[in-house]
Amino acid sequence: MRQADIAVIHLKSIPAELFAGFAESVSSEKLNLQIQSREDGGAFAALEWLLPTAVIVYIGKSYFDGFLKEMGKDHYSLLKAGLKKLQAKLFGSSAPQITLFGSAGKISKEQPYSLVFSIVAEAESGITFKLLVHADVSEGEYEETIAAFLEFLASFHANSLDAPMVESLNASRVVGRTLLLAFNREAKAIEPVDPVPKRGPPNEA
C-alpha cells in the first residue's frame, strides 16, 4: 500500500465516524487519504509530549513534494477547513477523556497540551514535526494555530523559512526523530518546544 499523503490515526475507542467531516473536506481523487485505528495503549515509559495522542493527523512529505505540486496550493484551504471541523469534536466538553499512565513523577497532572489531538508532519531525513495544541485552546486560537502551522510547513518545504526560525530549529532538541512545535500565544507564531516539560518545585510537607 502506498504511504498516505494525509492520514488520521486514532484509538479504536474513538469511532471513525467522528472524522467523516474531515475526510469529506480534504478528499480529492489523487490524494491518498487514510483513516487508521490503533489499539488503546496502556502504560508508557517516555517523555509525555512525545507520546502519541489519541488522534493524530499525519501529513506526509509526499503531500508537499507530490500532491500539492500537481494539484496546486488551493488544497491547503481544504485541509485547513477539514482540520477546523475537528476542533469542536476533540476539544472542550465534547473531547474524549484520555489519561496517561506512567511511573510516579513521570507524568504531569497539569497538561498544557492536548492528550487527544496533535498533528505530525514529515520533514526531511526521517525527522517529523509534531504540533502540540494547547489543551484549553479556543476556537479562534485553534484556527490561528492551524493556519500558522500550515504556513510554517509550506515555508519549510519551499526552503523559505526566515533565518531566525532556521536557527531556532537547528538549536532544538530532537528526540526519537521528533521535533516538537507549538503556537506561541504572545508572538502568534509557531516555535520549537523542549520535549522535557519544566516542572515546578515539589510541594513541601
N, C-alpha and C. Protein backbone atom coordinates (compact mmCIF):
# COMPACT_ATOMS: atom_id res chain seq x y z
N MET A 1 0.85 -1.20 0.00
CA MET A 1 0.00 0.00 0.00
C MET A 1 0.88 1.25 0.00
N ARG A 2 0.59 2.19 -0.87
CA ARG A 2 1.36 3.43 -0.92
C ARG A 2 1.15 4.23 0.35
N GLN A 3 2.24 4.83 0.83
CA GLN A 3 2.15 5.61 2.05
C GLN A 3 1.17 6.77 1.86
N ALA A 4 0.44 7.06 2.91
CA ALA A 4 -0.59 8.09 2.84
C ALA A 4 0.02 9.47 2.64
N ASP A 5 -0.67 10.30 1.87
CA ASP A 5 -0.33 11.72 1.80
C ASP A 5 -0.81 12.40 3.09
N ILE A 6 -2.02 12.05 3.47
CA ILE A 6 -2.60 12.52 4.73
C ILE A 6 -3.29 11.34 5.39
N ALA A 7 -3.15 11.22 6.69
CA ALA A 7 -3.80 10.12 7.41
C ALA A 7 -4.33 10.62 8.74
N VAL A 8 -5.36 9.96 9.21
CA VAL A 8 -5.84 10.16 10.58
C VAL A 8 -5.65 8.83 11.29
N ILE A 9 -4.86 8.84 12.36
CA ILE A 9 -4.63 7.63 13.16
C ILE A 9 -5.29 7.86 14.51
N HIS A 10 -6.20 6.98 14.88
CA HIS A 10 -6.97 7.22 16.10
C HIS A 10 -7.09 5.94 16.91
N LEU A 11 -7.32 6.09 18.21
CA LEU A 11 -7.58 4.94 19.06
C LEU A 11 -8.88 4.26 18.64
N LYS A 12 -8.91 2.95 18.79
CA LYS A 12 -10.11 2.20 18.42
C LYS A 12 -11.33 2.62 19.23
N SER A 13 -11.10 3.13 20.43
CA SER A 13 -12.20 3.55 21.28
C SER A 13 -12.87 4.83 20.77
N ILE A 14 -12.25 5.51 19.83
CA ILE A 14 -12.84 6.70 19.22
C ILE A 14 -13.41 6.31 17.87
N PRO A 15 -14.72 6.45 17.67
CA PRO A 15 -15.34 5.97 16.42
C PRO A 15 -14.83 6.70 15.19
N ALA A 16 -14.61 5.96 14.12
CA ALA A 16 -14.09 6.53 12.87
C ALA A 16 -15.06 7.55 12.27
N GLU A 17 -16.37 7.42 12.60
CA GLU A 17 -17.37 8.33 12.06
C GLU A 17 -17.08 9.78 12.45
N LEU A 18 -16.34 9.97 13.54
CA LEU A 18 -16.02 11.31 14.02
C LEU A 18 -15.21 12.08 12.98
N PHE A 19 -14.51 11.37 12.10
CA PHE A 19 -13.61 12.01 11.15
C PHE A 19 -14.21 12.12 9.75
N ALA A 20 -15.51 11.83 9.64
CA ALA A 20 -16.16 11.86 8.33
C ALA A 20 -16.12 13.27 7.73
N GLY A 21 -16.35 14.27 8.55
CA GLY A 21 -16.33 15.65 8.05
C GLY A 21 -14.96 16.07 7.56
N PHE A 22 -13.92 15.64 8.28
CA PHE A 22 -12.56 15.94 7.86
C PHE A 22 -12.27 15.29 6.51
N ALA A 23 -12.62 14.00 6.40
CA ALA A 23 -12.37 13.26 5.17
C ALA A 23 -13.12 13.88 3.99
N GLU A 24 -14.35 14.30 4.24
CA GLU A 24 -15.15 14.91 3.17
C GLU A 24 -14.52 16.21 2.69
N SER A 25 -13.95 16.99 3.64
CA SER A 25 -13.36 18.28 3.29
C SER A 25 -12.10 18.13 2.46
N VAL A 26 -11.24 17.19 2.83
CA VAL A 26 -9.92 17.10 2.17
C VAL A 26 -9.90 16.13 1.00
N SER A 27 -10.96 15.34 0.84
CA SER A 27 -10.97 14.30 -0.18
C SER A 27 -10.69 14.86 -1.58
N SER A 28 -9.85 14.16 -2.31
CA SER A 28 -9.52 14.51 -3.69
C SER A 28 -9.15 13.23 -4.41
N GLU A 29 -9.44 13.18 -5.69
CA GLU A 29 -9.23 11.95 -6.46
C GLU A 29 -7.78 11.45 -6.38
N LYS A 30 -6.83 12.37 -6.37
CA LYS A 30 -5.42 11.98 -6.40
C LYS A 30 -4.76 12.00 -5.03
N LEU A 31 -5.52 12.33 -4.00
CA LEU A 31 -4.98 12.36 -2.65
C LEU A 31 -5.12 10.99 -2.00
N ASN A 32 -4.01 10.45 -1.48
CA ASN A 32 -4.05 9.20 -0.75
C ASN A 32 -4.35 9.51 0.71
N LEU A 33 -5.63 9.48 1.05
CA LEU A 33 -6.10 9.76 2.41
C LEU A 33 -6.46 8.45 3.08
N GLN A 34 -5.96 8.24 4.29
CA GLN A 34 -6.23 7.01 5.03
C GLN A 34 -6.72 7.33 6.44
N ILE A 35 -7.72 6.58 6.88
CA ILE A 35 -8.20 6.65 8.26
C ILE A 35 -7.85 5.33 8.91
N GLN A 36 -6.99 5.35 9.91
CA GLN A 36 -6.49 4.13 10.52
C GLN A 36 -6.76 4.14 12.02
N SER A 37 -7.08 2.98 12.56
CA SER A 37 -7.27 2.87 14.01
C SER A 37 -6.09 2.10 14.61
N ARG A 38 -5.83 2.34 15.88
CA ARG A 38 -4.79 1.61 16.59
C ARG A 38 -5.32 1.21 17.96
N GLU A 39 -4.70 0.21 18.54
CA GLU A 39 -5.14 -0.29 19.84
C GLU A 39 -4.93 0.78 20.91
N ASP A 40 -5.86 0.81 21.85
CA ASP A 40 -5.69 1.69 23.00
C ASP A 40 -4.50 1.20 23.80
N GLY A 41 -3.58 2.10 24.14
CA GLY A 41 -2.35 1.71 24.84
C GLY A 41 -2.53 1.65 26.34
N GLY A 42 -1.53 1.07 27.00
CA GLY A 42 -1.51 1.01 28.45
C GLY A 42 -0.53 2.03 28.99
N ALA A 43 0.33 1.59 29.90
CA ALA A 43 1.31 2.50 30.48
C ALA A 43 2.46 2.74 29.50
N PHE A 44 3.02 3.94 29.56
CA PHE A 44 4.14 4.31 28.70
C PHE A 44 5.32 4.72 29.57
N ALA A 45 6.51 4.49 29.07
CA ALA A 45 7.73 4.97 29.71
C ALA A 45 8.45 5.86 28.71
N ALA A 46 8.00 7.10 28.60
CA ALA A 46 8.57 8.02 27.62
C ALA A 46 8.22 9.43 28.02
N LEU A 47 8.88 10.40 27.39
CA LEU A 47 8.54 11.80 27.62
C LEU A 47 7.12 12.04 27.14
N GLU A 48 6.28 12.61 28.01
CA GLU A 48 4.84 12.65 27.75
C GLU A 48 4.46 13.39 26.47
N TRP A 49 5.18 14.46 26.12
CA TRP A 49 4.80 15.23 24.93
C TRP A 49 5.19 14.51 23.65
N LEU A 50 6.00 13.46 23.77
CA LEU A 50 6.35 12.66 22.61
C LEU A 50 5.44 11.46 22.43
N LEU A 51 4.58 11.20 23.42
CA LEU A 51 3.66 10.08 23.32
C LEU A 51 2.61 10.35 22.25
N PRO A 52 2.13 9.30 21.59
CA PRO A 52 1.07 9.50 20.59
C PRO A 52 -0.22 9.97 21.25
N THR A 53 -0.83 11.02 20.72
CA THR A 53 -2.12 11.46 21.22
C THR A 53 -3.21 10.50 20.73
N ALA A 54 -4.40 10.65 21.27
CA ALA A 54 -5.50 9.74 20.91
C ALA A 54 -5.84 9.84 19.44
N VAL A 55 -5.71 11.03 18.88
CA VAL A 55 -5.96 11.26 17.46
C VAL A 55 -4.75 12.00 16.88
N ILE A 56 -4.23 11.49 15.80
CA ILE A 56 -3.10 12.13 15.12
C ILE A 56 -3.48 12.35 13.66
N VAL A 57 -3.34 13.58 13.22
CA VAL A 57 -3.42 13.85 11.78
C VAL A 57 -1.99 13.86 11.26
N TYR A 58 -1.71 12.97 10.33
CA TYR A 58 -0.37 12.83 9.76
C TYR A 58 -0.35 13.46 8.36
N ILE A 59 0.65 14.31 8.12
CA ILE A 59 0.81 14.93 6.81
C ILE A 59 2.17 14.49 6.27
N GLY A 60 2.15 13.69 5.22
CA GLY A 60 3.37 13.13 4.67
C GLY A 60 4.12 14.12 3.79
N LYS A 61 5.41 13.89 3.63
CA LYS A 61 6.23 14.71 2.75
C LYS A 61 5.70 14.66 1.32
N SER A 62 5.08 13.53 0.96
CA SER A 62 4.53 13.38 -0.39
C SER A 62 3.41 14.37 -0.66
N TYR A 63 2.75 14.84 0.40
CA TYR A 63 1.68 15.83 0.23
C TYR A 63 2.26 17.11 -0.37
N PHE A 64 3.46 17.47 0.10
CA PHE A 64 4.10 18.70 -0.36
C PHE A 64 4.87 18.47 -1.66
N ASP A 65 5.62 17.38 -1.71
CA ASP A 65 6.50 17.13 -2.85
C ASP A 65 5.77 16.63 -4.09
N GLY A 66 4.64 15.97 -3.86
CA GLY A 66 3.91 15.39 -4.99
C GLY A 66 2.55 16.00 -5.20
N PHE A 67 1.65 15.80 -4.25
CA PHE A 67 0.25 16.19 -4.43
C PHE A 67 0.09 17.69 -4.68
N LEU A 68 0.67 18.53 -3.81
CA LEU A 68 0.47 19.97 -3.97
C LEU A 68 1.11 20.50 -5.24
N LYS A 69 2.25 19.93 -5.61
CA LYS A 69 2.92 20.39 -6.83
C LYS A 69 2.06 20.11 -8.05
N GLU A 70 1.32 19.00 -7.99
CA GLU A 70 0.49 18.62 -9.13
C GLU A 70 -0.87 19.31 -9.11
N MET A 71 -1.44 19.42 -7.90
CA MET A 71 -2.81 19.91 -7.79
C MET A 71 -2.89 21.40 -7.45
N GLY A 72 -1.80 21.97 -6.96
CA GLY A 72 -1.82 23.38 -6.59
C GLY A 72 -2.14 23.58 -5.12
N LYS A 73 -1.76 24.75 -4.62
CA LYS A 73 -1.87 25.03 -3.18
C LYS A 73 -3.30 25.35 -2.73
N ASP A 74 -4.24 25.35 -3.67
CA ASP A 74 -5.63 25.60 -3.28
C ASP A 74 -6.11 24.54 -2.30
N HIS A 75 -5.51 23.35 -2.33
CA HIS A 75 -5.95 22.29 -1.41
C HIS A 75 -5.64 22.64 0.03
N TYR A 76 -4.70 23.55 0.25
CA TYR A 76 -4.38 23.98 1.60
C TYR A 76 -5.63 24.49 2.33
N SER A 77 -6.46 25.25 1.61
CA SER A 77 -7.67 25.78 2.23
C SER A 77 -8.63 24.66 2.59
N LEU A 78 -8.64 23.58 1.80
CA LEU A 78 -9.50 22.43 2.11
C LEU A 78 -8.97 21.69 3.33
N LEU A 79 -7.65 21.56 3.42
CA LEU A 79 -7.06 20.92 4.59
C LEU A 79 -7.34 21.75 5.84
N LYS A 80 -7.20 23.05 5.72
CA LYS A 80 -7.47 23.93 6.85
C LYS A 80 -8.94 23.80 7.29
N ALA A 81 -9.84 23.73 6.32
CA ALA A 81 -11.27 23.59 6.64
C ALA A 81 -11.56 22.25 7.32
N GLY A 82 -10.89 21.19 6.84
CA GLY A 82 -11.08 19.89 7.45
C GLY A 82 -10.57 19.85 8.88
N LEU A 83 -9.41 20.43 9.12
CA LEU A 83 -8.86 20.48 10.47
C LEU A 83 -9.73 21.32 11.39
N LYS A 84 -10.31 22.37 10.85
CA LYS A 84 -11.21 23.23 11.64
C LYS A 84 -12.39 22.42 12.18
N LYS A 85 -12.90 21.49 11.38
CA LYS A 85 -14.05 20.70 11.80
C LYS A 85 -13.74 19.80 12.99
N LEU A 86 -12.47 19.49 13.20
CA LEU A 86 -12.10 18.60 14.30
C LEU A 86 -12.09 19.30 15.65
N GLN A 87 -12.00 20.62 15.63
CA GLN A 87 -11.87 21.36 16.90
C GLN A 87 -13.05 21.11 17.83
N ALA A 88 -14.25 21.20 17.31
CA ALA A 88 -15.44 21.04 18.15
C ALA A 88 -15.58 19.62 18.69
N LYS A 89 -14.99 18.65 17.98
CA LYS A 89 -15.13 17.25 18.39
C LYS A 89 -14.03 16.79 19.34
N LEU A 90 -12.88 17.48 19.31
CA LEU A 90 -11.72 16.99 20.05
C LEU A 90 -11.25 17.90 21.17
N PHE A 91 -11.93 19.04 21.34
CA PHE A 91 -11.57 19.96 22.41
C PHE A 91 -12.83 20.38 23.17
N GLY A 92 -12.63 20.87 24.37
CA GLY A 92 -13.75 21.32 25.17
C GLY A 92 -14.52 20.18 25.79
N SER A 93 -15.77 20.42 26.11
CA SER A 93 -16.59 19.44 26.84
C SER A 93 -16.86 18.17 26.05
N SER A 94 -16.80 18.25 24.72
CA SER A 94 -17.10 17.07 23.90
C SER A 94 -15.86 16.22 23.62
N ALA A 95 -14.69 16.63 24.11
CA ALA A 95 -13.45 15.90 23.83
C ALA A 95 -13.43 14.55 24.53
N PRO A 96 -12.91 13.51 23.90
CA PRO A 96 -12.74 12.21 24.56
C PRO A 96 -11.85 12.38 25.79
N GLN A 97 -12.14 11.62 26.83
CA GLN A 97 -11.36 11.69 28.06
C GLN A 97 -10.18 10.73 27.96
N ILE A 98 -8.98 11.27 28.03
CA ILE A 98 -7.76 10.50 27.87
C ILE A 98 -6.89 10.68 29.11
N THR A 99 -6.33 9.58 29.61
CA THR A 99 -5.43 9.63 30.76
C THR A 99 -4.13 8.92 30.42
N LEU A 100 -3.02 9.56 30.76
CA LEU A 100 -1.72 8.91 30.59
C LEU A 100 -1.36 8.17 31.87
N PHE A 101 -0.81 6.98 31.71
CA PHE A 101 -0.36 6.20 32.85
C PHE A 101 1.15 6.05 32.77
N GLY A 102 1.82 6.34 33.87
CA GLY A 102 3.27 6.19 33.90
C GLY A 102 3.75 6.04 35.32
N SER A 103 5.04 5.80 35.48
CA SER A 103 5.59 5.63 36.81
C SER A 103 5.55 6.96 37.56
N ALA A 104 5.61 6.90 38.87
CA ALA A 104 5.47 8.08 39.72
C ALA A 104 6.45 9.16 39.32
N GLY A 105 5.95 10.39 39.18
CA GLY A 105 6.80 11.51 38.84
C GLY A 105 7.07 11.69 37.36
N LYS A 106 6.62 10.76 36.54
CA LYS A 106 6.91 10.83 35.11
C LYS A 106 5.86 11.61 34.33
N ILE A 107 4.63 11.62 34.82
CA ILE A 107 3.54 12.26 34.09
C ILE A 107 3.01 13.45 34.89
N SER A 108 2.95 14.61 34.27
CA SER A 108 2.44 15.79 34.93
C SER A 108 0.92 15.71 35.08
N LYS A 109 0.42 16.13 36.23
CA LYS A 109 -1.03 16.15 36.43
C LYS A 109 -1.67 17.25 35.60
N GLU A 110 -0.98 18.39 35.51
CA GLU A 110 -1.48 19.50 34.72
C GLU A 110 -0.83 19.46 33.34
N GLN A 111 -1.65 19.24 32.33
CA GLN A 111 -1.15 19.11 30.97
C GLN A 111 -1.46 20.39 30.18
N PRO A 112 -0.43 21.16 29.78
CA PRO A 112 -0.70 22.37 29.00
C PRO A 112 -1.15 22.05 27.57
N TYR A 113 -0.78 20.87 27.09
CA TYR A 113 -1.11 20.50 25.71
C TYR A 113 -2.07 19.32 25.68
N SER A 114 -2.84 19.26 24.61
CA SER A 114 -3.86 18.23 24.47
C SER A 114 -3.26 16.83 24.40
N LEU A 115 -3.87 15.90 25.14
CA LEU A 115 -3.53 14.48 25.03
C LEU A 115 -4.38 13.81 23.96
N VAL A 116 -5.36 14.54 23.45
CA VAL A 116 -6.32 13.98 22.50
C VAL A 116 -5.87 14.18 21.05
N PHE A 117 -5.32 15.35 20.75
CA PHE A 117 -5.08 15.69 19.33
C PHE A 117 -3.72 16.33 19.11
N SER A 118 -3.07 15.92 18.03
CA SER A 118 -1.84 16.55 17.58
C SER A 118 -1.74 16.35 16.07
N ILE A 119 -0.85 17.11 15.46
CA ILE A 119 -0.56 16.94 14.03
C ILE A 119 0.91 16.58 13.88
N VAL A 120 1.17 15.53 13.13
CA VAL A 120 2.54 15.10 12.86
C VAL A 120 2.79 15.27 11.37
N ALA A 121 3.86 15.99 11.05
CA ALA A 121 4.18 16.26 9.64
C ALA A 121 5.59 15.77 9.35
N GLU A 122 5.74 15.06 8.25
CA GLU A 122 7.04 14.54 7.85
C GLU A 122 7.90 15.68 7.33
N ALA A 123 9.15 15.73 7.77
CA ALA A 123 10.07 16.78 7.35
C ALA A 123 11.11 16.21 6.39
N GLU A 124 12.37 16.14 6.82
CA GLU A 124 13.44 15.61 5.99
C GLU A 124 14.25 14.59 6.78
N SER A 125 14.88 13.68 6.08
CA SER A 125 15.83 12.73 6.70
C SER A 125 15.23 11.94 7.84
N GLY A 126 13.95 11.59 7.70
CA GLY A 126 13.30 10.78 8.72
C GLY A 126 12.84 11.54 9.94
N ILE A 127 13.03 12.85 9.95
CA ILE A 127 12.59 13.69 11.07
C ILE A 127 11.12 14.07 10.87
N THR A 128 10.36 14.14 11.95
CA THR A 128 8.98 14.61 11.88
C THR A 128 8.79 15.79 12.82
N PHE A 129 7.90 16.69 12.43
CA PHE A 129 7.44 17.77 13.31
C PHE A 129 6.16 17.29 13.99
N LYS A 130 6.06 17.52 15.28
CA LYS A 130 4.82 17.23 15.99
C LYS A 130 4.29 18.53 16.56
N LEU A 131 3.10 18.93 16.12
CA LEU A 131 2.47 20.14 16.63
C LEU A 131 1.65 19.80 17.88
N LEU A 132 2.05 20.38 19.00
CA LEU A 132 1.28 20.28 20.23
C LEU A 132 0.25 21.41 20.24
N VAL A 133 -0.96 21.10 20.65
CA VAL A 133 -2.03 22.10 20.67
C VAL A 133 -2.44 22.34 22.12
N HIS A 134 -2.55 23.60 22.50
CA HIS A 134 -2.92 23.94 23.88
C HIS A 134 -4.24 23.26 24.26
N ALA A 135 -4.25 22.65 25.42
CA ALA A 135 -5.43 21.90 25.87
C ALA A 135 -6.65 22.80 26.02
N ASP A 136 -6.42 24.06 26.40
CA ASP A 136 -7.54 24.98 26.62
C ASP A 136 -7.77 25.91 25.43
N VAL A 137 -7.36 25.47 24.25
CA VAL A 137 -7.44 26.33 23.06
C VAL A 137 -8.88 26.73 22.77
N SER A 138 -9.06 28.00 22.41
CA SER A 138 -10.38 28.47 21.97
C SER A 138 -10.52 28.19 20.48
N GLU A 139 -11.74 28.35 19.98
CA GLU A 139 -11.97 28.12 18.55
C GLU A 139 -11.12 29.06 17.71
N GLY A 140 -11.06 30.33 18.12
CA GLY A 140 -10.29 31.30 17.37
C GLY A 140 -8.80 31.01 17.40
N GLU A 141 -8.29 30.66 18.58
CA GLU A 141 -6.87 30.36 18.69
C GLU A 141 -6.52 29.07 17.95
N TYR A 142 -7.42 28.12 17.96
CA TYR A 142 -7.19 26.88 17.22
C TYR A 142 -7.01 27.18 15.73
N GLU A 143 -7.85 28.05 15.19
CA GLU A 143 -7.73 28.41 13.78
C GLU A 143 -6.41 29.12 13.52
N GLU A 144 -5.99 30.00 14.45
CA GLU A 144 -4.70 30.67 14.31
C GLU A 144 -3.56 29.66 14.33
N THR A 145 -3.67 28.67 15.22
CA THR A 145 -2.64 27.65 15.36
C THR A 145 -2.49 26.84 14.08
N ILE A 146 -3.62 26.39 13.55
CA ILE A 146 -3.60 25.59 12.32
C ILE A 146 -3.04 26.39 11.15
N ALA A 147 -3.50 27.64 11.01
CA ALA A 147 -3.03 28.48 9.91
C ALA A 147 -1.52 28.72 10.02
N ALA A 148 -1.03 28.99 11.23
CA ALA A 148 0.40 29.25 11.42
C ALA A 148 1.23 28.00 11.14
N PHE A 149 0.72 26.84 11.55
CA PHE A 149 1.47 25.60 11.33
C PHE A 149 1.52 25.24 9.85
N LEU A 150 0.42 25.37 9.14
CA LEU A 150 0.41 25.07 7.71
C LEU A 150 1.31 26.05 6.95
N GLU A 151 1.33 27.30 7.37
CA GLU A 151 2.22 28.28 6.75
C GLU A 151 3.68 27.91 7.02
N PHE A 152 3.96 27.47 8.25
CA PHE A 152 5.32 27.02 8.59
C PHE A 152 5.73 25.84 7.70
N LEU A 153 4.84 24.86 7.55
CA LEU A 153 5.16 23.69 6.73
C LEU A 153 5.40 24.08 5.28
N ALA A 154 4.56 24.97 4.76
CA ALA A 154 4.72 25.40 3.37
C ALA A 154 6.08 26.06 3.18
N SER A 155 6.47 26.92 4.12
CA SER A 155 7.76 27.60 4.03
C SER A 155 8.90 26.62 4.18
N PHE A 156 8.75 25.66 5.09
CA PHE A 156 9.80 24.67 5.29
C PHE A 156 10.06 23.88 4.01
N HIS A 157 9.01 23.39 3.39
CA HIS A 157 9.16 22.56 2.20
C HIS A 157 9.55 23.38 0.97
N ALA A 158 9.34 24.68 1.05
CA ALA A 158 9.77 25.56 -0.05
C ALA A 158 11.15 26.16 0.22
N ASN A 159 11.77 25.72 1.34
CA ASN A 159 13.09 26.24 1.73
C ASN A 159 13.09 27.76 1.86
N SER A 160 12.00 28.30 2.44
CA SER A 160 11.88 29.75 2.54
C SER A 160 11.64 30.23 3.97
N LEU A 161 11.99 29.40 4.97
CA LEU A 161 11.88 29.84 6.36
C LEU A 161 12.85 30.99 6.60
N ASP A 162 12.46 31.93 7.47
CA ASP A 162 13.38 33.03 7.76
C ASP A 162 14.53 32.53 8.64
N ALA A 163 15.62 33.29 8.65
CA ALA A 163 16.85 32.87 9.33
C ALA A 163 16.65 32.60 10.82
N PRO A 164 15.91 33.45 11.56
CA PRO A 164 15.71 33.16 12.99
C PRO A 164 15.03 31.81 13.24
N MET A 165 14.05 31.46 12.40
CA MET A 165 13.38 30.17 12.58
C MET A 165 14.33 29.02 12.26
N VAL A 166 15.11 29.15 11.21
CA VAL A 166 16.08 28.10 10.87
C VAL A 166 17.07 27.90 12.01
N GLU A 167 17.55 28.99 12.59
CA GLU A 167 18.48 28.90 13.71
C GLU A 167 17.81 28.23 14.91
N SER A 168 16.56 28.58 15.16
CA SER A 168 15.82 28.00 16.28
C SER A 168 15.62 26.50 16.09
N LEU A 169 15.28 26.09 14.88
CA LEU A 169 15.09 24.67 14.59
C LEU A 169 16.41 23.91 14.75
N ASN A 170 17.48 24.49 14.24
CA ASN A 170 18.79 23.83 14.31
C ASN A 170 19.27 23.68 15.75
N ALA A 171 18.84 24.59 16.62
CA ALA A 171 19.28 24.55 18.01
C ALA A 171 18.36 23.70 18.89
N SER A 172 17.25 23.21 18.33
CA SER A 172 16.26 22.49 19.11
C SER A 172 16.63 21.02 19.29
N ARG A 173 16.17 20.46 20.40
CA ARG A 173 16.45 19.07 20.70
C ARG A 173 15.48 18.16 19.94
N VAL A 174 16.03 17.19 19.24
CA VAL A 174 15.24 16.19 18.53
C VAL A 174 15.33 14.88 19.30
N VAL A 175 14.20 14.34 19.70
CA VAL A 175 14.16 13.09 20.46
C VAL A 175 13.30 12.09 19.71
N GLY A 176 13.83 10.89 19.51
CA GLY A 176 13.07 9.89 18.76
C GLY A 176 12.73 10.35 17.36
N ARG A 177 13.64 11.16 16.77
CA ARG A 177 13.48 11.70 15.42
C ARG A 177 12.25 12.62 15.31
N THR A 178 11.85 13.17 16.47
CA THR A 178 10.69 14.08 16.51
C THR A 178 11.11 15.43 17.08
N LEU A 179 10.68 16.49 16.41
CA LEU A 179 10.91 17.84 16.89
C LEU A 179 9.55 18.44 17.23
N LEU A 180 9.40 18.86 18.47
CA LEU A 180 8.12 19.37 18.94
C LEU A 180 7.96 20.86 18.62
N LEU A 181 6.73 21.23 18.25
CA LEU A 181 6.40 22.62 17.96
C LEU A 181 5.09 22.97 18.67
N ALA A 182 4.89 24.25 18.91
CA ALA A 182 3.63 24.72 19.48
C ALA A 182 3.42 26.16 19.07
N PHE A 183 2.21 26.65 19.28
CA PHE A 183 1.84 28.03 18.95
C PHE A 183 2.15 28.93 20.13
N ASN A 184 3.01 29.93 19.91
CA ASN A 184 3.33 30.90 20.95
C ASN A 184 2.21 31.93 21.00
N ARG A 185 1.50 31.98 22.11
CA ARG A 185 0.32 32.82 22.21
C ARG A 185 0.65 34.31 22.15
N GLU A 186 1.81 34.69 22.63
CA GLU A 186 2.19 36.10 22.63
C GLU A 186 2.70 36.52 21.26
N ALA A 187 3.57 35.71 20.67
CA ALA A 187 4.15 36.05 19.38
C ALA A 187 3.24 35.71 18.21
N LYS A 188 2.19 34.91 18.48
CA LYS A 188 1.27 34.47 17.42
C LYS A 188 2.03 33.75 16.31
N ALA A 189 2.92 32.85 16.72
CA ALA A 189 3.76 32.15 15.75
C ALA A 189 4.12 30.77 16.27
N ILE A 190 4.52 29.91 15.36
CA ILE A 190 4.97 28.56 15.70
C ILE A 190 6.41 28.63 16.20
N GLU A 191 6.71 27.87 17.24
CA GLU A 191 8.07 27.83 17.77
C GLU A 191 8.38 26.43 18.30
N PRO A 192 9.67 26.05 18.35
CA PRO A 192 10.05 24.76 18.91
C PRO A 192 9.77 24.70 20.41
N VAL A 193 9.53 23.48 20.90
CA VAL A 193 9.25 23.24 22.31
C VAL A 193 10.24 22.20 22.83
N ASP A 194 10.77 22.45 24.02
CA ASP A 194 11.66 21.48 24.65
C ASP A 194 10.85 20.25 25.02
N PRO A 195 11.28 19.04 24.64
CA PRO A 195 10.49 17.84 24.95
C PRO A 195 10.46 17.48 26.43
N VAL A 196 11.33 18.08 27.22
CA VAL A 196 11.33 17.81 28.67
C VAL A 196 10.54 18.92 29.34
N PRO A 197 9.32 18.63 29.82
CA PRO A 197 8.50 19.67 30.45
C PRO A 197 9.18 20.25 31.68
N LYS A 198 9.05 21.55 31.85
CA LYS A 198 9.56 22.18 33.06
C LYS A 198 8.58 21.94 34.19
N ARG A 199 9.09 21.40 35.27
CA ARG A 199 8.22 21.09 36.42
C ARG A 199 8.52 22.04 37.56
N GLY A 200 7.49 22.38 38.28
CA GLY A 200 7.67 23.25 39.43
C GLY A 200 8.34 22.51 40.57
N PRO A 201 8.75 23.24 41.61
CA PRO A 201 9.39 22.60 42.76
C PRO A 201 8.42 21.68 43.47
N PRO A 202 8.88 20.58 44.05
CA PRO A 202 7.99 19.67 44.76
C PRO A 202 7.35 20.34 45.95
N ASN A 203 6.12 19.95 46.25
CA ASN A 203 5.42 20.51 47.40
C ASN A 203 6.11 20.08 48.69
N GLU A 204 6.31 21.06 49.57
CA GLU A 204 6.91 20.74 50.85
C GLU A 204 5.86 20.26 51.82
N ALA A 205 6.25 19.29 52.63
CA ALA A 205 5.31 18.73 53.62
C ALA A 205 5.08 19.75 54.73
